[in-house]
C-alpha atoms as a PDB file:
ATOM      1  CA  UNK A   1       8.732 -11.444 -24.353  1.00  0.00           C
ATOM      2  CA  UNK A   2       8.218  -7.796 -23.749  1.00  0.00           C
ATOM      3  CA  UNK A   3      10.341  -4.687 -23.698  1.00  0.00           C
ATOM      4  CA  UNK A   4      11.592  -3.033 -20.542  1.00  0.00           C
ATOM      5  CA  UNK A   5      12.711   0.532 -19.978  1.00  0.00           C
ATOM      6  CA  UNK A   6      15.780   0.815 -17.758  1.00  0.00           C
ATOM      7  CA  UNK A   7      16.597   4.195 -16.193  1.00  0.00           C
ATOM      8  CA  UNK A   8      19.781   4.957 -14.298  1.00  0.00           C
ATOM      9  CA  UNK A   9      18.900   6.604 -10.996  1.00  0.00           C
ATOM     10  CA  UNK A  10      22.174   6.939  -9.103  1.00  0.00           C
ATOM     11  CA  UNK A  11      25.415   8.640 -10.046  1.00  0.00           C
ATOM     12  CA  UNK A  12      28.950   7.294 -10.263  1.00  0.00           C
ATOM     13  CA  UNK A  13      30.169   7.564  -6.661  1.00  0.00           C
ATOM     14  CA  UNK A  14      30.748   4.380  -4.633  1.00  0.00           C
ATOM     15  CA  UNK A  15      29.557   1.887  -7.235  1.00  0.00           C
ATOM     16  CA  UNK A  16      30.841  -1.701  -7.343  1.00  0.00           C
ATOM     17  CA  UNK A  17      33.148  -2.449 -10.273  1.00  0.00           C
ATOM     18  CA  UNK A  18      30.888  -5.171 -11.673  1.00  0.00           C
ATOM     19  CA  UNK A  19      27.933  -2.763 -11.665  1.00  0.00           C
ATOM     20  CA  UNK A  20      30.025  -0.121 -13.445  1.00  0.00           C
ATOM     21  CA  UNK A  21      31.006  -2.670 -16.089  1.00  0.00           C
ATOM     22  CA  UNK A  22      27.400  -3.811 -16.547  1.00  0.00           C
ATOM     23  CA  UNK A  23      26.089  -0.241 -16.819  1.00  0.00           C
ATOM     24  CA  UNK A  24      28.710   0.431 -19.489  1.00  0.00           C
ATOM     25  CA  UNK A  25      27.421  -2.584 -21.419  1.00  0.00           C
ATOM     26  CA  UNK A  26      23.862  -1.288 -21.021  1.00  0.00           C
ATOM     27  CA  UNK A  27      25.038   2.191 -22.143  1.00  0.00           C
ATOM     28  CA  UNK A  28      23.731   3.772 -18.941  1.00  0.00           C
ATOM     29  CA  UNK A  29      26.594   6.207 -18.443  1.00  0.00           C
ATOM     30  CA  UNK A  30      24.793   8.994 -16.579  1.00  0.00           C
ATOM     31  CA  UNK A  31      21.801   9.403 -14.298  1.00  0.00           C
ATOM     32  CA  UNK A  32      18.465   9.864 -16.109  1.00  0.00           C
ATOM     33  CA  UNK A  33      19.625   7.937 -19.169  1.00  0.00           C
ATOM     34  CA  UNK A  34      17.121   5.361 -20.400  1.00  0.00           C
ATOM     35  CA  UNK A  35      17.488   2.322 -22.636  1.00  0.00           C
ATOM     36  CA  UNK A  36      14.832   0.025 -24.078  1.00  0.00           C
ATOM     37  CA  UNK A  37      15.761  -3.650 -23.889  1.00  0.00           C
ATOM     38  CA  UNK A  38      14.088  -6.957 -24.716  1.00  0.00           C
ATOM     39  CA  UNK A  39      13.372  -8.928 -21.543  1.00  0.00           C
ATOM     40  CA  UNK A  40      15.363 -12.139 -21.825  1.00  0.00           C
ATOM     41  CA  UNK A  41      17.682 -14.204 -19.633  1.00  0.00           C
ATOM     42  CA  UNK A  42      20.692 -11.997 -20.366  1.00  0.00           C
ATOM     43  CA  UNK A  43      18.815  -8.803 -19.562  1.00  0.00           C
ATOM     44  CA  UNK A  44      17.469 -10.280 -16.312  1.00  0.00           C
ATOM     45  CA  UNK A  45      20.982 -11.209 -15.216  1.00  0.00           C
ATOM     46  CA  UNK A  46      22.347  -7.757 -16.015  1.00  0.00           C
ATOM     47  CA  UNK A  47      19.489  -6.072 -14.168  1.00  0.00           C
ATOM     48  CA  UNK A  48      20.206  -8.156 -11.063  1.00  0.00           C
ATOM     49  CA  UNK A  49      23.792  -6.854 -11.053  1.00  0.00           C
ATOM     50  CA  UNK A  50      22.743  -3.187 -11.311  1.00  0.00           C
ATOM     51  CA  UNK A  51      19.478  -3.362  -9.327  1.00  0.00           C
ATOM     52  CA  UNK A  52      20.802  -0.963  -6.659  1.00  0.00           C
ATOM     53  CA  UNK A  53      21.526   1.789  -9.192  1.00  0.00           C
ATOM     54  CA  UNK A  54      18.728   1.597 -11.789  1.00  0.00           C
ATOM     55  CA  UNK A  55      14.980   1.187 -11.991  1.00  0.00           C
ATOM     56  CA  UNK A  56      13.103  -0.755 -14.649  1.00  0.00           C
ATOM     57  CA  UNK A  57       9.719  -2.021 -15.735  1.00  0.00           C
ATOM     58  CA  UNK A  58       7.666  -3.135 -18.706  1.00  0.00           C
ATOM     59  CA  UNK A  59       6.513  -0.487 -21.176  1.00  0.00           C
ATOM     60  CA  UNK A  60       3.856  -0.620 -23.881  1.00  0.00           C
ATOM     61  CA  UNK A  61       4.198   0.630 -27.443  1.00  0.00           C
ATOM     62  CA  UNK A  62       2.399   3.927 -26.712  1.00  0.00           C
ATOM     63  CA  UNK A  63       5.012   4.876 -24.108  1.00  0.00           C
ATOM     64  CA  UNK A  64       7.856   3.720 -26.357  1.00  0.00           C
ATOM     65  CA  UNK A  65       6.479   5.833 -29.222  1.00  0.00           C
ATOM     66  CA  UNK A  66       6.102   8.841 -26.921  1.00  0.00           C
ATOM     67  CA  UNK A  67       9.690   8.455 -25.687  1.00  0.00           C
ATOM     68  CA  UNK A  68      11.014   8.188 -29.225  1.00  0.00           C
ATOM     69  CA  UNK A  69       8.960  11.125 -30.540  1.00  0.00           C
ATOM     70  CA  UNK A  70       9.794  13.503 -27.687  1.00  0.00           C
ATOM     71  CA  UNK A  71      13.346  12.506 -26.701  1.00  0.00           C
ATOM     72  CA  UNK A  72      14.675  10.210 -29.459  1.00  0.00           C
ATOM     73  CA  UNK A  73      17.782  11.589 -31.165  1.00  0.00           C
ATOM     74  CA  UNK A  74      19.689  10.780 -34.314  1.00  0.00           C
ATOM     75  CA  UNK A  75      23.393  11.310 -34.788  1.00  0.00           C
ATOM     76  CA  UNK A  76      23.968  15.040 -35.151  1.00  0.00           C
ATOM     77  CA  UNK A  77      21.511  16.041 -32.420  1.00  0.00           C
ATOM     78  CA  UNK A  78      18.346  16.103 -34.545  1.00  0.00           C
ATOM     79  CA  UNK A  79      15.036  14.789 -33.212  1.00  0.00           C
ATOM     80  CA  UNK A  80      13.800  11.441 -34.480  1.00  0.00           C
ATOM     81  CA  UNK A  81      11.073  11.742 -37.119  1.00  0.00           C
ATOM     82  CA  UNK A  82       8.874   9.341 -39.066  1.00  0.00           C
ATOM     83  CA  UNK A  83      10.764  10.397 -42.182  1.00  0.00           C
ATOM     84  CA  UNK A  84      14.114   9.324 -40.671  1.00  0.00           C
ATOM     85  CA  UNK A  85      12.702   5.998 -39.486  1.00  0.00           C
ATOM     86  CA  UNK A  86      11.216   5.242 -42.915  1.00  0.00           C
ATOM     87  CA  UNK A  87      14.419   6.179 -44.758  1.00  0.00           C
ATOM     88  CA  UNK A  88      16.831   4.305 -42.463  1.00  0.00           C
ATOM     89  CA  UNK A  89      14.968   1.134 -41.467  1.00  0.00           C
ATOM     90  CA  UNK A  90      12.316  -1.370 -42.501  1.00  0.00           C
ATOM     91  CA  UNK A  91       9.657   0.433 -40.451  1.00  0.00           C
ATOM     92  CA  UNK A  92       7.140   2.901 -41.860  1.00  0.00           C
ATOM     93  CA  UNK A  93       6.868   5.108 -38.769  1.00  0.00           C
ATOM     94  CA  UNK A  94       7.897   5.612 -35.162  1.00  0.00           C
ATOM     95  CA  UNK A  95       4.705   3.866 -34.052  1.00  0.00           C
ATOM     96  CA  UNK A  96       5.534   0.775 -36.141  1.00  0.00           C
ATOM     97  CA  UNK A  97       9.043   0.762 -34.659  1.00  0.00           C
ATOM     98  CA  UNK A  98       7.589   1.089 -31.144  1.00  0.00           C
ATOM     99  CA  UNK A  99       5.268  -1.875 -31.691  1.00  0.00           C
ATOM    100  CA  UNK A 100       8.187  -3.991 -32.916  1.00  0.00           C
ATOM    101  CA  UNK A 101      10.328  -2.964 -29.918  1.00  0.00           C
ATOM    102  CA  UNK A 102       7.484  -3.874 -27.551  1.00  0.00           C
ATOM    103  CA  UNK A 103       7.265  -7.367 -29.070  1.00  0.00           C
ATOM    104  CA  UNK A 104      11.095  -7.665 -28.973  1.00  0.00           C
ATOM    105  CA  UNK A 105      11.154  -7.998 -32.776  1.00  0.00           C
ATOM    106  CA  UNK A 106      13.367  -4.908 -33.141  1.00  0.00           C
ATOM    107  CA  UNK A 107      15.918  -2.874 -31.253  1.00  0.00           C
ATOM    108  CA  UNK A 108      16.813   0.780 -31.454  1.00  0.00           C
ATOM    109  CA  UNK A 109      20.049  -0.055 -33.283  1.00  0.00           C
ATOM    110  CA  UNK A 110      17.937  -1.369 -36.191  1.00  0.00           C
ATOM    111  CA  UNK A 111      17.346   2.256 -37.232  1.00  0.00           C
ATOM    112  CA  UNK A 112      20.533   3.588 -38.777  1.00  0.00           C
ATOM    113  CA  UNK A 113      21.696   6.754 -37.043  1.00  0.00           C
ATOM    114  CA  UNK A 114      19.348   6.480 -34.039  1.00  0.00           C
ATOM    115  CA  UNK A 115      21.106   6.890 -30.707  1.00  0.00           C
ATOM    116  CA  UNK A 116      20.369   3.877 -28.479  1.00  0.00           C
ATOM    117  CA  UNK A 117      20.173   5.961 -25.286  1.00  0.00           C
ATOM    118  CA  UNK A 118      17.266   8.258 -24.476  1.00  0.00           C
ATOM    119  CA  UNK A 119      18.397  11.214 -22.395  1.00  0.00           C
ATOM    120  CA  UNK A 120      15.630  12.266 -20.024  1.00  0.00           C
ATOM    121  CA  UNK A 121      15.062  15.165 -17.647  1.00  0.00           C
ATOM    122  CA  UNK A 122      15.191  14.512 -13.906  1.00  0.00           C
ATOM    123  CA  UNK A 123      11.678  13.602 -12.759  1.00  0.00           C
ATOM    124  CA  UNK A 124       9.368  16.391 -11.657  1.00  0.00           C
ATOM    125  CA  UNK A 125       9.256  16.465  -7.843  1.00  0.00           C
ATOM    126  CA  UNK A 126      12.393  14.309  -7.810  1.00  0.00           C
ATOM    127  CA  UNK A 127      13.079  10.666  -7.139  1.00  0.00           C
ATOM    128  CA  UNK A 128      11.961   8.895  -4.014  1.00  0.00           C
ATOM    129  CA  UNK A 129      14.802   7.669  -1.786  1.00  0.00           C
ATOM    130  CA  UNK A 130      17.543   6.594  -4.189  1.00  0.00           C
ATOM    131  CA  UNK A 131      19.095   4.026  -1.851  1.00  0.00           C
ATOM    132  CA  UNK A 132      15.918   2.062  -1.161  1.00  0.00           C
ATOM    133  CA  UNK A 133      14.124  -0.395  -3.430  1.00  0.00           C
ATOM    134  CA  UNK A 134      10.846   0.654  -5.031  1.00  0.00           C
ATOM    135  CA  UNK A 135       9.013  -2.079  -3.104  1.00  0.00           C
ATOM    136  CA  UNK A 136       9.636  -0.235   0.199  1.00  0.00           C
ATOM    137  CA  UNK A 137       9.099   3.313  -1.050  1.00  0.00           C
ATOM    138  CA  UNK A 138      12.420   3.981  -2.744  1.00  0.00           C
ATOM    139  CA  UNK A 139      13.448   4.649  -6.322  1.00  0.00           C
ATOM    140  CA  UNK A 140      15.626   1.716  -7.467  1.00  0.00           C
ATOM    141  CA  UNK A 141      14.754  -1.793  -8.566  1.00  0.00           C
ATOM    142  CA  UNK A 142      11.828  -3.331 -10.384  1.00  0.00           C
ATOM    143  CA  UNK A 143       8.722  -1.147 -10.814  1.00  0.00           C
ATOM    144  CA  UNK A 144       6.591  -3.080 -13.254  1.00  0.00           C
ATOM    145  CA  UNK A 145       4.040  -0.904 -15.036  1.00  0.00           C
ATOM    146  CA  UNK A 146       4.739   1.967 -12.621  1.00  0.00           C
ATOM    147  CA  UNK A 147       7.795   2.807 -14.753  1.00  0.00           C
ATOM    148  CA  UNK A 148       5.437   4.623 -17.114  1.00  0.00           C
ATOM    149  CA  UNK A 149       4.461   7.128 -14.412  1.00  0.00           C
ATOM    150  CA  UNK A 150       8.142   7.833 -13.746  1.00  0.00           C
ATOM    151  CA  UNK A 151       8.872   8.224 -17.461  1.00  0.00           C
ATOM    152  CA  UNK A 152       5.986  10.684 -17.831  1.00  0.00           C
ATOM    153  CA  UNK A 153       7.410  12.726 -14.957  1.00  0.00           C
ATOM    154  CA  UNK A 154      10.775  12.664 -16.718  1.00  0.00           C
ATOM    155  CA  UNK A 155       9.228  13.833 -19.991  1.00  0.00           C
ATOM    156  CA  UNK A 156       7.822  16.773 -18.002  1.00  0.00           C
ATOM    157  CA  UNK A 157       4.221  16.080 -18.899  1.00  0.00           C
ATOM    158  CA  UNK A 158       2.498  18.568 -16.626  1.00  0.00           C
ATOM    159  CA  UNK A 159      -0.874  16.752 -16.507  1.00  0.00           C
ATOM    160  CA  UNK A 160       0.540  13.457 -15.206  1.00  0.00           C
ATOM    161  CA  UNK A 161       2.844  15.138 -12.679  1.00  0.00           C
ATOM    162  CA  UNK A 162      -0.046  16.623 -10.723  1.00  0.00           C
END
């Protein structure tokens, strides 16, 4: 099993009720929110329900660590630090947590006080067409490893955006 990053692409207008319910369960309440999930049968089923509104793909531990270091938040609005991870979980650092999330041995809720949703910026140069699947040049649906390029654009890493 591996971890997947799921990013909500589309807003709240004209969404089927079952997709709204599923996105609530995934905690994807607003566009540009990201969650890290273990890829299992339940996750696959939920992604099929919301495939027209989100994009997802597999991420490695380096990308997970970068997401957590740059955009991870704890309750109270503070940034996530190695010190917080060590004090509130069984992991020694953010990198150790990221490796465990990648292997599906841990979840973000295993760190006390860590918010399970990563709030990202809109991607530099915008999304592709938000009503078309990624396979035909759009923005929604399964991306595979290409999700990392999108996440880098959403972290506003100037080198990758060029």
